[in-house]
Every structure is written in structure tokens, then in C-alpha cells.
C-alpha atoms as a PDB file:
ATOM      1  CA  MET A   1      79.745-171.196 137.109  1.00  0.00           C
ATOM      2  CA  VAL A   2      78.155-172.867 134.111  1.00  0.00           C
ATOM      3  CA  LEU A   3      81.471-172.890 135.947  1.00  0.00           C
ATOM      4  CA  ALA A   4      82.193-170.526 133.178  1.00  0.00           C
ATOM      5  CA  SER A   5      84.783-170.984 130.548  1.00  0.00           C
ATOM      6  CA  PRO A   6      88.188-169.815 131.702  1.00  0.00           C
ATOM      7  CA  VAL A   7      88.381-166.162 130.856  1.00  0.00           C
ATOM      8  CA  GLY A   8      92.107-165.749 130.666  1.00  0.00           C
ATOM      9  CA  THR A   9      93.910-165.088 127.489  1.00  0.00           C
ATOM     10  CA  THR A  10      94.460-168.806 126.931  1.00  0.00           C
ATOM     11  CA  ALA A  11      90.727-169.392 126.544  1.00  0.00           C
ATOM     12  CA  ASN A  12      88.626-168.902 123.454  1.00  0.00           C
ATOM     13  CA  THR A  13      86.775-165.779 124.548  1.00  0.00           C
ATOM     14  CA  GLY A  14      86.024-163.959 121.371  1.00  0.00           C
ATOM     15  CA  SER A  15      87.008-160.329 121.209  1.00  0.00           C
ATOM     16  CA  GLY A  16      88.261-160.364 124.753  1.00  0.00           C
ATOM     17  CA  ARG A  17      91.027-162.814 124.035  1.00  0.00           C
ATOM     18  CA  GLY A  18      94.421-161.510 124.977  1.00  0.00           C
ATOM     19  CA  SER A  19      93.059-158.039 125.628  1.00  0.00           C
ATOM     20  CA  VAL A  20      93.586-155.696 128.532  1.00  0.00           C
ATOM     21  CA  ASN A  21      91.160-153.133 127.137  1.00  0.00           C
ATOM     22  CA  LEU A  22      88.995-151.868 129.991  1.00  0.00           C
ATOM     23  CA  GLY A  23      86.494-150.012 127.811  1.00  0.00           C
ATOM     24  CA  LEU A  24      82.881-150.417 128.850  1.00  0.00           C
ATOM     25  CA  PRO A  25      80.932-153.150 127.033  1.00  0.00           C
ATOM     26  CA  PRO A  26      77.536-152.400 125.415  1.00  0.00           C
ATOM     27  CA  LYS A  27      74.740-151.393 127.802  1.00  0.00           C
ATOM     28  CA  GLY A  28      72.976-154.749 127.433  1.00  0.00           C
ATOM     29  CA  ASP A  29      76.148-156.588 128.389  1.00  0.00           C
ATOM     30  CA  LEU A  30      76.658-154.313 131.395  1.00  0.00           C
ATOM     31  CA  VAL A  31      73.174-155.228 132.612  1.00  0.00           C
ATOM     32  CA  ALA A  32      73.860-158.939 132.025  1.00  0.00           C
ATOM     33  CA  LEU A  33      77.165-158.681 133.895  1.00  0.00           C
ATOM     34  CA  ALA A  34      75.511-156.876 136.823  1.00  0.00           C
ATOM     35  CA  VAL A  35      72.860-159.608 137.052  1.00  0.00           C
ATOM     36  CA  ALA A  36      75.561-162.292 136.932  1.00  0.00           C
ATOM     37  CA  VAL A  37      77.549-160.655 139.742  1.00  0.00           C
ATOM     38  CA  VAL A  38      74.407-160.420 141.899  1.00  0.00           C
ATOM     39  CA  PHE A  39      73.616-164.121 141.476  1.00  0.00           C
ATOM     40  CA  ILE A  40      77.209-165.163 142.194  1.00  0.00           C
ATOM     41  CA  ALA A  41      77.473-162.848 145.204  1.00  0.00           C
ATOM     42  CA  LEU A  42      74.372-164.529 146.648  1.00  0.00           C
ATOM     43  CA  SER A  43      75.992-167.961 146.416  1.00  0.00           C
ATOM     44  CA  ALA A  44      78.049-167.904 149.643  1.00  0.00           C
ATOM     45  CA  PRO A  45      75.329-166.414 151.899  1.00  0.00           C
ATOM     46  CA  VAL A  46      72.715-168.855 150.536  1.00  0.00           C
ATOM     47  CA  ILE A  47      75.070-171.794 151.112  1.00  0.00           C
ATOM     48  CA  ALA A  48      75.742-170.590 154.659  1.00  0.00           C
ATOM     49  CA  ALA A  49      71.984-170.424 155.294  1.00  0.00           C
ATOM     50  CA  THR A  50      71.123-173.814 153.763  1.00  0.00           C
ATOM     51  CA  ALA A  51      70.136-176.450 156.329  1.00  0.00           C
ATOM     52  CA  ALA A  52      71.960-179.358 154.698  1.00  0.00           C
ATOM     53  CA  PRO A  53      75.399-180.950 155.146  1.00  0.00           C
ATOM     54  CA  VAL A  54      78.019-178.896 153.355  1.00  0.00           C
ATOM     55  CA  LEU A  55      79.376-181.778 151.270  1.00  0.00           C
ATOM     56  CA  ALA A  56      75.834-182.678 150.228  1.00  0.00           C
ATOM     57  CA  ILE A  57      75.384-179.108 148.965  1.00  0.00           C
ATOM     58  CA  ALA A  58      78.604-179.437 146.983  1.00  0.00           C
ATOM     59  CA  PHE A  59      77.616-182.866 145.589  1.00  0.00           C
ATOM     60  CA  TRP A  60      74.095-181.934 144.499  1.00  0.00           C
ATOM     61  CA  ARG A  61      75.244-178.613 143.075  1.00  0.00           C
ATOM     62  CA  CYS A  62      77.659-180.409 140.759  1.00  0.00           C
ATOM     63  CA  LEU A  63      75.325-183.309 139.923  1.00  0.00           C
ATOM     64  CA  ILE A  64      72.351-181.067 139.120  1.00  0.00           C
ATOM     65  CA  GLY A  65      74.615-178.815 137.062  1.00  0.00           C
ATOM     66  CA  SER A  66      75.856-181.843 135.120  1.00  0.00           C
ATOM     67  CA  GLY A  67      72.320-183.109 134.527  1.00  0.00           C
ATOM     68  CA  LEU A  68      70.977-179.793 133.292  1.00  0.00           C
ATOM     69  CA  THR A  69      74.010-179.194 131.069  1.00  0.00           C
ATOM     70  CA  GLY A  70      73.705-182.788 129.839  1.00  0.00           C
ATOM     71  CA  LEU A  71      70.164-182.115 128.588  1.00  0.00           C
ATOM     72  CA  TRP A  72      71.495-179.278 126.441  1.00  0.00           C
ATOM     73  CA  VAL A  73      74.317-181.458 125.119  1.00  0.00           C
ATOM     74  CA  ALA A  74      71.912-184.328 124.343  1.00  0.00           C
ATOM     75  CA  PHE A  75      69.761-182.099 122.153  1.00  0.00           C
ATOM     76  CA  LYS A  76      72.314-179.672 120.712  1.00  0.00           C
ATOM     77  CA  GLU A  77      75.893-180.957 120.965  1.00  0.00           C
ATOM     78  CA  ARG A  78      75.876-184.760 120.817  1.00  0.00           C
ATOM     79  CA  ASP A  79      78.304-184.795 117.912  1.00  0.00           C
ATOM     80  CA  SER A  80      80.686-182.501 119.784  1.00  0.00           C
ATOM     81  CA  LEU A  81      80.679-184.900 122.752  1.00  0.00           C
ATOM     82  CA  ARG A  82      81.414-187.877 120.491  1.00  0.00           C
ATOM     83  CA  ARG A  83      84.351-186.037 118.909  1.00  0.00           C
ATOM     84  CA  LEU A  84      86.196-185.536 122.196  1.00  0.00           C
ATOM     85  CA  THR A  85      89.688-187.001 121.971  1.00  0.00           C
ATOM     86  CA  ARG A  86      91.307-189.129 124.656  1.00  0.00           C
ATOM     87  CA  ARG A  87      93.433-186.150 125.659  1.00  0.00           C
ATOM     88  CA  GLU A  88      90.365-183.900 125.952  1.00  0.00           C
ATOM     89  CA  TRP A  89      88.554-186.508 128.050  1.00  0.00           C
ATOM     90  CA  ARG A  90      91.592-186.950 130.294  1.00  0.00           C
ATOM     91  CA  LEU A  91      92.049-183.222 130.850  1.00  0.00           C
ATOM     92  CA  THR A  92      88.309-182.724 131.413  1.00  0.00           C
ATOM     93  CA  LEU A  93      88.241-185.402 134.106  1.00  0.00           C
ATOM     94  CA  ILE A  94      91.367-184.007 135.772  1.00  0.00           C
ATOM     95  CA  SER A  95      89.796-180.549 135.725  1.00  0.00           C
ATOM     96  CA  GLY A  96      86.582-182.016 137.175  1.00  0.00           C
ATOM     97  CA  PHE A  97      88.565-183.649 139.967  1.00  0.00           C
ATOM     98  CA  PHE A  98      90.027-180.280 140.969  1.00  0.00           C
ATOM     99  CA  LEU A  99      86.607-178.641 140.678  1.00  0.00           C
ATOM    100  CA  GLY A 100      85.218-181.256 143.054  1.00  0.00           C
ATOM    101  CA  LEU A 101      88.038-180.503 145.494  1.00  0.00           C
ATOM    102  CA  HIS A 102      87.269-176.803 145.176  1.00  0.00           C
ATOM    103  CA  PHE A 103      83.644-177.238 146.226  1.00  0.00           C
ATOM    104  CA  ALA A 104      84.557-179.839 148.868  1.00  0.00           C
ATOM    105  CA  THR A 105      86.866-177.329 150.578  1.00  0.00           C
ATOM    106  CA  TRP A 106      85.399-173.896 149.901  1.00  0.00           C
ATOM    107  CA  ILE A 107      81.778-174.733 150.808  1.00  0.00           C
ATOM    108  CA  PRO A 108      82.746-176.256 154.221  1.00  0.00           C
ATOM    109  CA  SER A 109      84.864-173.168 154.906  1.00  0.00           C
ATOM    110  CA  LEU A 110      81.618-171.211 155.305  1.00  0.00           C
ATOM    111  CA  VAL A 111      80.818-173.280 158.420  1.00  0.00           C
ATOM    112  CA  PHE A 112      84.027-172.237 160.183  1.00  0.00           C
ATOM    113  CA  THR A 113      84.653-168.655 159.099  1.00  0.00           C
ATOM    114  CA  SER A 114      82.660-165.664 157.923  1.00  0.00           C
ATOM    115  CA  VAL A 115      81.331-165.207 154.404  1.00  0.00           C
ATOM    116  CA  ALA A 116      83.508-162.079 154.104  1.00  0.00           C
ATOM    117  CA  ALA A 117      86.721-163.920 154.997  1.00  0.00           C
ATOM    118  CA  SER A 118      85.891-166.987 152.903  1.00  0.00           C
ATOM    119  CA  THR A 119      85.024-165.074 149.733  1.00  0.00           C
ATOM    120  CA  ALA A 120      88.076-162.818 150.117  1.00  0.00           C
ATOM    121  CA  LEU A 121      90.406-165.809 150.444  1.00  0.00           C
ATOM    122  CA  VAL A 122      88.863-167.795 147.589  1.00  0.00           C
ATOM    123  CA  ALA A 123      89.252-164.692 145.402  1.00  0.00           C
ATOM    124  CA  THR A 124      93.026-165.335 145.485  1.00  0.00           C
ATOM    125  CA  GLN A 125      92.530-167.999 142.785  1.00  0.00           C
ATOM    126  CA  PRO A 126      94.414-165.935 140.120  1.00  0.00           C
ATOM    127  CA  ILE A 127      97.407-165.780 142.495  1.00  0.00           C
ATOM    128  CA  TRP A 128      97.678-169.571 142.668  1.00  0.00           C
ATOM    129  CA  ALA A 129      97.050-169.819 138.917  1.00  0.00           C
ATOM    130  CA  ALA A 130     100.108-167.598 138.512  1.00  0.00           C
ATOM    131  CA  PHE A 131     102.231-169.962 140.586  1.00  0.00           C
ATOM    132  CA  ILE A 132     100.971-172.926 138.526  1.00  0.00           C
ATOM    133  CA  ALA A 133     101.794-171.066 135.306  1.00  0.00           C
ATOM    134  CA  ARG A 134     105.260-170.240 136.631  1.00  0.00           C
ATOM    135  CA  ALA A 135     105.847-173.908 137.508  1.00  0.00           C
ATOM    136  CA  GLN A 136     104.945-174.752 133.892  1.00  0.00           C
ATOM    137  CA  GLY A 137     107.599-172.361 132.633  1.00  0.00           C
ATOM    138  CA  ALA A 138     105.538-169.230 131.924  1.00  0.00           C
ATOM    139  CA  ARG A 139     107.124-165.829 132.473  1.00  0.00           C
ATOM    140  CA  ILE A 140     105.209-163.850 135.079  1.00  0.00           C
ATOM    141  CA  SER A 141     105.333-160.081 134.610  1.00  0.00           C
ATOM    142  CA  ARG A 142     106.698-157.727 137.247  1.00  0.00           C
ATOM    143  CA  GLY A 143     103.241-156.239 137.789  1.00  0.00           C
ATOM    144  CA  SER A 144     101.824-159.703 138.448  1.00  0.00           C
ATOM    145  CA  TRP A 145     104.516-160.404 141.060  1.00  0.00           C
ATOM    146  CA  VAL A 146     103.726-157.086 142.780  1.00  0.00           C
ATOM    147  CA  GLY A 147     100.084-158.098 142.885  1.00  0.00           C
ATOM    148  CA  ILE A 148     100.908-161.558 144.202  1.00  0.00           C
ATOM    149  CA  TRP A 149     102.856-160.214 147.176  1.00  0.00           C
ATOM    150  CA  ILE A 150     100.226-157.559 147.953  1.00  0.00           C
ATOM    151  CA  ALA A 151      97.507-160.222 147.955  1.00  0.00           C
ATOM    152  CA  LEU A 152      99.543-162.649 150.051  1.00  0.00           C
ATOM    153  CA  SER A 153     100.211-159.915 152.611  1.00  0.00           C
ATOM    154  CA  GLY A 154      96.443-159.449 152.799  1.00  0.00           C
ATOM    155  CA  VAL A 155      96.024-163.189 153.379  1.00  0.00           C
ATOM    156  CA  LEU A 156      98.500-163.073 156.267  1.00  0.00           C
ATOM    157  CA  VAL A 157      96.740-160.090 157.830  1.00  0.00           C
ATOM    158  CA  LEU A 158      93.288-161.674 157.457  1.00  0.00           C
ATOM    159  CA  THR A 159      94.276-165.047 158.921  1.00  0.00           C
ATOM    160  CA  GLY A 160      96.052-163.293 161.800  1.00  0.00           C
ATOM    161  CA  ILE A 161      92.865-161.380 162.579  1.00  0.00           C
ATOM    162  CA  ASP A 162      90.800-164.572 162.441  1.00  0.00           C
ATOM    163  CA  VAL A 163      93.165-166.382 164.817  1.00  0.00           C
ATOM    164  CA  ARG A 164      92.746-163.618 167.384  1.00  0.00           C
ATOM    165  CA  THR A 165      88.965-163.627 166.914  1.00  0.00           C
ATOM    166  CA  ASP A 166      88.312-167.391 167.030  1.00  0.00           C
ATOM    167  CA  THR A 167      90.774-170.198 166.328  1.00  0.00           C
ATOM    168  CA  ARG A 168      87.979-172.113 164.548  1.00  0.00           C
ATOM    169  CA  HIS A 169      88.092-169.427 161.898  1.00  0.00           C
ATOM    170  CA  LEU A 170      91.608-170.540 160.985  1.00  0.00           C
ATOM    171  CA  ILE A 171      90.174-173.898 159.826  1.00  0.00           C
ATOM    172  CA  GLY A 172      87.748-172.027 157.584  1.00  0.00           C
ATOM    173  CA  ASP A 173      90.543-169.829 156.256  1.00  0.00           C
ATOM    174  CA  ALA A 174      92.646-172.885 155.423  1.00  0.00           C
ATOM    175  CA  LEU A 175      89.703-174.535 153.654  1.00  0.00           C
ATOM    176  CA  ALA A 176      88.975-171.352 151.670  1.00  0.00           C
ATOM    177  CA  LEU A 177      92.615-171.132 150.575  1.00  0.00           C
ATOM    178  CA  ALA A 178      92.534-174.817 149.607  1.00  0.00           C
ATOM    179  CA  GLY A 179      89.416-173.998 147.604  1.00  0.00           C
ATOM    180  CA  ALA A 180      91.253-171.172 145.831  1.00  0.00           C
ATOM    181  CA  ILE A 181      94.245-173.392 145.010  1.00  0.00           C
ATOM    182  CA  SER A 182      92.069-176.224 143.679  1.00  0.00           C
ATOM    183  CA  ALA A 183      90.061-173.687 141.652  1.00  0.00           C
ATOM    184  CA  ALA A 184      93.312-172.439 140.123  1.00  0.00           C
ATOM    185  CA  ALA A 185      94.233-176.015 139.194  1.00  0.00           C
ATOM    186  CA  TYR A 186      90.754-176.578 137.723  1.00  0.00           C
ATOM    187  CA  VAL A 187      91.040-173.422 135.617  1.00  0.00           C
ATOM    188  CA  SER A 188      94.617-174.123 134.503  1.00  0.00           C
ATOM    189  CA  VAL A 189      93.713-177.599 133.237  1.00  0.00           C
ATOM    190  CA  GLY A 190      90.303-176.563 131.933  1.00  0.00           C
ATOM    191  CA  ALA A 191      91.816-173.733 129.875  1.00  0.00           C
ATOM    192  CA  GLU A 192      93.547-176.345 127.727  1.00  0.00           C
ATOM    193  CA  VAL A 193      90.251-178.124 127.024  1.00  0.00           C
ATOM    194  CA  ARG A 194      88.396-174.889 126.243  1.00  0.00           C
ATOM    195  CA  LYS A 195      90.783-174.190 123.380  1.00  0.00           C
ATOM    196  CA  SER A 196      88.967-176.826 121.321  1.00  0.00           C
ATOM    197  CA  VAL A 197      85.782-177.788 123.216  1.00  0.00           C
ATOM    198  CA  SER A 198      82.589-175.789 123.836  1.00  0.00           C
ATOM    199  CA  THR A 199      81.571-174.803 127.360  1.00  0.00           C
ATOM    200  CA  ALA A 200      78.506-177.101 127.509  1.00  0.00           C
ATOM    201  CA  THR A 201      80.337-180.116 126.067  1.00  0.00           C
ATOM    202  CA  MET A 202      83.139-179.656 128.582  1.00  0.00           C
ATOM    203  CA  THR A 203      81.037-178.903 131.670  1.00  0.00           C
ATOM    204  CA  PHE A 204      78.618-181.841 131.297  1.00  0.00           C
ATOM    205  CA  PRO A 205      81.258-184.523 132.111  1.00  0.00           C
ATOM    206  CA  LEU A 206      83.312-182.089 134.190  1.00  0.00           C
ATOM    207  CA  TYR A 207      80.487-181.419 136.673  1.00  0.00           C
ATOM    208  CA  GLY A 208      79.627-185.108 136.766  1.00  0.00           C
ATOM    209  CA  PHE A 209      83.177-186.106 137.673  1.00  0.00           C
ATOM    210  CA  ALA A 210      83.326-183.292 140.246  1.00  0.00           C
ATOM    211  CA  ALA A 211      80.260-184.852 141.907  1.00  0.00           C
ATOM    212  CA  LEU A 212      81.934-188.287 141.864  1.00  0.00           C
ATOM    213  CA  THR A 213      85.012-186.730 143.497  1.00  0.00           C
ATOM    214  CA  ILE A 214      82.883-185.373 146.352  1.00  0.00           C
ATOM    215  CA  LEU A 215      80.782-188.525 146.875  1.00  0.00           C
ATOM    216  CA  PRO A 216      83.367-190.673 148.757  1.00  0.00           C
ATOM    217  CA  LEU A 217      84.125-187.723 151.057  1.00  0.00           C
ATOM    218  CA  MET A 218      80.502-187.768 152.166  1.00  0.00           C
ATOM    219  CA  PHE A 219      80.846-191.367 153.306  1.00  0.00           C
ATOM    220  CA  ILE A 220      84.208-190.691 154.959  1.00  0.00           C
ATOM    221  CA  PHE A 221      82.765-187.780 156.956  1.00  0.00           C
ATOM    222  CA  GLN A 222      79.398-189.532 157.413  1.00  0.00           C
ATOM    223  CA  GLN A 223      77.264-186.765 155.931  1.00  0.00           C
ATOM    224  CA  ASP A 224      73.722-187.454 154.749  1.00  0.00           C
ATOM    225  CA  LEU A 225      73.055-187.358 151.032  1.00  0.00           C
ATOM    226  CA  ILE A 226      69.264-187.005 151.278  1.00  0.00           C
ATOM    227  CA  GLY A 227      66.571-186.415 153.895  1.00  0.00           C
ATOM    228  CA  PHE A 228      66.667-182.602 153.971  1.00  0.00           C
ATOM    229  CA  GLU A 229      63.763-180.234 154.417  1.00  0.00           C
ATOM    230  CA  PHE A 230      62.034-179.023 151.241  1.00  0.00           C
ATOM    231  CA  GLU A 231      63.417-175.517 151.816  1.00  0.00           C
ATOM    232  CA  ALA A 232      66.991-176.860 151.764  1.00  0.00           C
ATOM    233  CA  TRP A 233      66.370-178.561 148.409  1.00  0.00           C
ATOM    234  CA  LEU A 234      64.975-175.311 147.031  1.00  0.00           C
ATOM    235  CA  MET A 235      68.085-173.441 148.160  1.00  0.00           C
ATOM    236  CA  ILE A 236      70.421-176.035 146.610  1.00  0.00           C
ATOM    237  CA  LEU A 237      68.486-175.780 143.349  1.00  0.00           C
ATOM    238  CA  GLY A 238      68.585-171.997 143.572  1.00  0.00           C
ATOM    239  CA  ILE A 239      72.356-171.987 144.059  1.00  0.00           C
ATOM    240  CA  THR A 240      72.809-174.253 141.043  1.00  0.00           C
ATOM    241  CA  LEU A 241      70.454-172.357 138.742  1.00  0.00           C
ATOM    242  CA  GLY A 242      71.515-168.917 139.958  1.00  0.00           C
ATOM    243  CA  ALA A 243      75.274-168.910 140.479  1.00  0.00           C
ATOM    244  CA  GLN A 244      76.406-172.039 138.666  1.00  0.00           C
ATOM    245  CA  LEU A 245      74.258-171.840 135.532  1.00  0.00           C
ATOM    246  CA  LEU A 246      72.582-168.465 134.972  1.00  0.00           C
ATOM    247  CA  GLY A 247      75.297-166.258 136.504  1.00  0.00           C
ATOM    248  CA  HIS A 248      78.173-167.715 134.583  1.00  0.00           C
ATOM    249  CA  THR A 249      76.195-168.250 131.400  1.00  0.00           C
ATOM    250  CA  LEU A 250      75.609-164.501 131.345  1.00  0.00           C
ATOM    251  CA  MET A 251      79.327-163.968 131.875  1.00  0.00           C
ATOM    252  CA  ASN A 252      80.111-166.127 128.860  1.00  0.00           C
ATOM    253  CA  LYS A 253      77.686-163.999 126.843  1.00  0.00           C
ATOM    254  CA  VAL A 254      79.421-160.791 127.938  1.00  0.00           C
ATOM    255  CA  LEU A 255      82.814-162.249 127.042  1.00  0.00           C
ATOM    256  CA  ALA A 256      81.724-162.410 123.394  1.00  0.00           C
ATOM    257  CA  ASN A 257      81.896-158.588 123.217  1.00  0.00           C
ATOM    258  CA  SER A 258      84.084-157.527 126.152  1.00  0.00           C
ATOM    259  CA  SER A 259      87.611-158.077 127.401  1.00  0.00           C
ATOM    260  CA  ALA A 260      88.331-160.907 129.795  1.00  0.00           C
ATOM    261  CA  THR A 261      90.146-158.364 131.959  1.00  0.00           C
ATOM    262  CA  PHE A 262      87.026-156.215 132.379  1.00  0.00           C
ATOM    263  CA  VAL A 263      84.891-159.227 133.300  1.00  0.00           C
ATOM    264  CA  SER A 264      87.511-160.568 135.726  1.00  0.00           C
ATOM    265  CA  LEU A 265      87.688-157.198 137.465  1.00  0.00           C
ATOM    266  CA  ALA A 266      83.898-156.852 137.579  1.00  0.00           C
ATOM    267  CA  ILE A 267      83.478-160.209 139.288  1.00  0.00           C
ATOM    268  CA  LEU A 268      85.605-158.993 142.195  1.00  0.00           C
ATOM    269  CA  PHE A 269      82.473-157.105 143.325  1.00  0.00           C
ATOM    270  CA  GLU A 270      81.288-160.542 144.405  1.00  0.00           C
ATOM    271  CA  MET A 271      83.308-160.321 147.634  1.00  0.00           C
ATOM    272  CA  PRO A 272      81.863-157.061 149.053  1.00  0.00           C
ATOM    273  CA  GLY A 273      78.429-158.053 147.716  1.00  0.00           C
ATOM    274  CA  ALA A 274      78.492-161.397 149.503  1.00  0.00           C
ATOM    275  CA  ALA A 275      79.777-159.786 152.708  1.00  0.00           C
ATOM    276  CA  LEU A 276      76.992-157.196 152.616  1.00  0.00           C
ATOM    277  CA  VAL A 277      74.262-159.819 152.055  1.00  0.00           C
ATOM    278  CA  ALA A 278      75.683-161.984 154.860  1.00  0.00           C
ATOM    279  CA  ALA A 279      75.760-159.010 157.246  1.00  0.00           C
ATOM    280  CA  ILE A 280      72.134-158.050 156.526  1.00  0.00           C
ATOM    281  CA  TRP A 281      70.582-161.503 156.100  1.00  0.00           C
ATOM    282  CA  LEU A 282      72.677-163.718 158.399  1.00  0.00           C
ATOM    283  CA  GLY A 283      73.844-161.120 160.905  1.00  0.00           C
ATOM    284  CA  GLN A 284      77.481-161.936 160.062  1.00  0.00           C
ATOM    285  CA  ALA A 285      79.332-158.745 160.868  1.00  0.00           C
ATOM    286  CA  PRO A 286      83.034-159.706 160.844  1.00  0.00           C
ATOM    287  CA  PRO A 287      85.631-157.605 162.690  1.00  0.00           C
ATOM    288  CA  VAL A 288      86.196-154.253 161.023  1.00  0.00           C
ATOM    289  CA  ALA A 289      89.896-155.126 160.683  1.00  0.00           C
ATOM    290  CA  ILE A 290      89.020-157.794 158.104  1.00  0.00           C
ATOM    291  CA  TYR A 291      88.088-155.202 155.512  1.00  0.00           C
ATOM    292  CA  PRO A 292      91.560-153.632 155.076  1.00  0.00           C
ATOM    293  CA  ALA A 293      92.944-157.163 154.731  1.00  0.00           C
ATOM    294  CA  ALA A 294      90.315-157.983 152.108  1.00  0.00           C
ATOM    295  CA  ALA A 295      91.153-154.713 150.342  1.00  0.00           C
ATOM    296  CA  LEU A 296      94.806-155.789 150.133  1.00  0.00           C
ATOM    297  CA  ILE A 297      93.771-159.131 148.654  1.00  0.00           C
ATOM    298  CA  ILE A 298      91.496-157.562 146.047  1.00  0.00           C
ATOM    299  CA  THR A 299      94.120-154.924 145.169  1.00  0.00           C
ATOM    300  CA  GLY A 300      96.702-157.640 144.603  1.00  0.00           C
ATOM    301  CA  VAL A 301      94.327-159.669 142.444  1.00  0.00           C
ATOM    302  CA  VAL A 302      93.564-156.562 140.359  1.00  0.00           C
ATOM    303  CA  PHE A 303      97.304-156.102 139.757  1.00  0.00           C
ATOM    304  CA  VAL A 304      97.612-159.719 138.594  1.00  0.00           C
ATOM    305  CA  ILE A 305      94.607-159.506 136.264  1.00  0.00           C
ATOM    306  CA  LYS A 306      95.665-156.193 134.694  1.00  0.00           C
ATOM    307  CA  SER A 307      99.282-157.306 134.315  1.00  0.00           C
ATOM    308  CA  ASN A 308      98.415-160.487 132.410  1.00  0.00           C
ATOM    309  CA  PRO A 309      98.228-159.593 128.716  1.00  0.00           C
ATOM    310  CA  LYS A 310     100.497-162.276 127.261  1.00  0.00           C
ATOM    311  CA  LYS A 311      98.772-165.608 127.821  1.00  0.00           C
ATOM    312  CA  GLU A 312     100.620-166.138 131.083  1.00  0.00           C
ATOM    313  CA  ILE A 313      97.911-166.950 133.614  1.00  0.00           C
ATOM    314  CA  PRO A 314      94.540-168.562 132.889  1.00  0.00           C
ATOM    315  CA  MET A 315      91.778-166.668 134.712  1.00  0.00           C
ATOM    316  CA  GLU A 316      88.337-167.738 135.815  1.00  0.00           C
ATOM    317  CA  THR A 317      85.502-165.359 136.453  1.00  0.00           C
ATOM    318  CA  SER A 318      84.777-167.099 139.741  1.00  0.00           C
ATOM    319  CA  PRO A 319      84.720-170.686 140.937  1.00  0.00           C
ATOM    320  CA  ILE A 320      81.865-170.240 143.347  1.00  0.00           C
END
């Protein structure tokens, strides 16, 4: 994302705030959104193909993102950074902690299960955001509950298929779900900060703390931090510039003129896009039975997104 600003109705998203209008945005914004989806869809296959330890990919992705965002803040938004209150700092660091957990679980999931299964399961983030919102006292609409149960049935079907295919896949499925839950926590906390803080000012310390969250895990699991081939460094940089910065920056631009609902629905094309790239590039052709399960998950998520017009559930375009 820049991990993009939360795009739910609780975030400051311009004309899209609180809207469920699905009208098409201007042609230029449609092009920008298509480019963003392509870059984000490439993220999972590129990670799976990168010859570096998975936690190192997660660490450097966050640290490079923080550094590049920090340059912008240093030149353009220094005063905004100085004005952060203690509460905004606290919530930003908490959100960064959950973002670090997201990358530390979702990225390793790609080692154990297919890109198709991993991206489908991490797409359930709005479902877990709904449960977090409900725990905080929000009223969840009937349509959202329908979507939640449809998506969860898809999760059960997909994990059952993976168990029959290879029990190792179940580890990847669990990690992908953990990544979705931590992404939901990141978005739910980050939505509060984005009410009063710009994206760049928030993401500079947020990415940095996410990297610090991942760092001790690398020592615990004895993964190398450096010493990779030049090609691996290029791919890590490409992931950061493509998906984490350019892709989600374009999404923020589109959100200035379009509804958050439209953007959230558009980003769901990431899952079939990533699966297609992985099948062609990596030769990852998952069992055909996975696709109906993924369809259930995506259908459920669509229900949740379209049934969320009253500031109930903070949404994120994508945490990957």
C-alpha cells in the first residue's frame, strides 16, 4: 500500500466518504485504478519468486517504504509530523505493529500454499474488520452478516480442499488468515489516525514500526537479513515501489473522485489476477476446486463492502 489510507467510510476519502455509489469514475481515474490493481496483483507472485527469506522480504519492504515516505515528509510535511499528538503517535505505532504482523504472516504463507489460496484468504480482511467493529459496539447490517457467512463458508471449503491436497498447505492457509486478521486490526486502528493525519505523515512512522515488529522474528527464526543475490534485491525494491507505493498511491488519487465502495470492489480483481500470473509465470496451477471456494469468499466480501454505508466497518483497499 502506500499501504493506502483506509477506504472505509470512517476515513477521510473525499467524495467517496460514506458513499455506496457505484458509478464509474472519470476515465483517467479508471486507468489509474487499473494500473494500481495490476501492480498489486503482481505482489504475491513476485514475492513467491523472490530468492530471499520471507521475513527479510517483509522487513525490507516496510523499511524501504518508510524511508521513501520519510523523504517526502522531510521536504513537504515536517510540520504535520511535529503536530502529531500523543494519541495519534500511540495509535500509529499500534497500527504499525499490526501491519508488521500482517506482513510477517501473509508473506510466509506463500511458501506453504498457492498464490491463489493465499490471496483469496487474505482478501477476507473486511470480514475480520466487521467482527472488530462489532466488538467495539458497531451495528453490523443484515447484508454484511450474510456476506460474512458466505465468505466463511468459502474459507472452510478452501481449507478443506488444501488439507486433502497437501497438509503443508494448511499451514499456509492459517498464516494467510492470520495475515487477514492482523490487516483488519491495522486498518481499524489506522482509520482513527487517518481522520486527522495525512497518509504520508502516518505511513512514515507506521512502516518504520512495522519493520521493527518484524526484525526480532528474523532472529527468532534465524533468517538472514542481507547477503541476497542482486536479482532478489531488485525484486524486493520492485515490490515496494510497485505494490506498496505506486499502486496504493494511485488508489488514493482515485478515492478523491470515486466512492470507496467502487475502489474496494475493484481491488478484488487482485485475487484472480495474482492467481493467473502465478499459473503462467510460476506454474502454480491449484486444484480446480479452489476456484468455487475463492468465488464464495469474494462474493461474501462484496456483500460486506456493499452493505456498509453507515460508518460501520473500516475498509482497506488491500494490505498486500
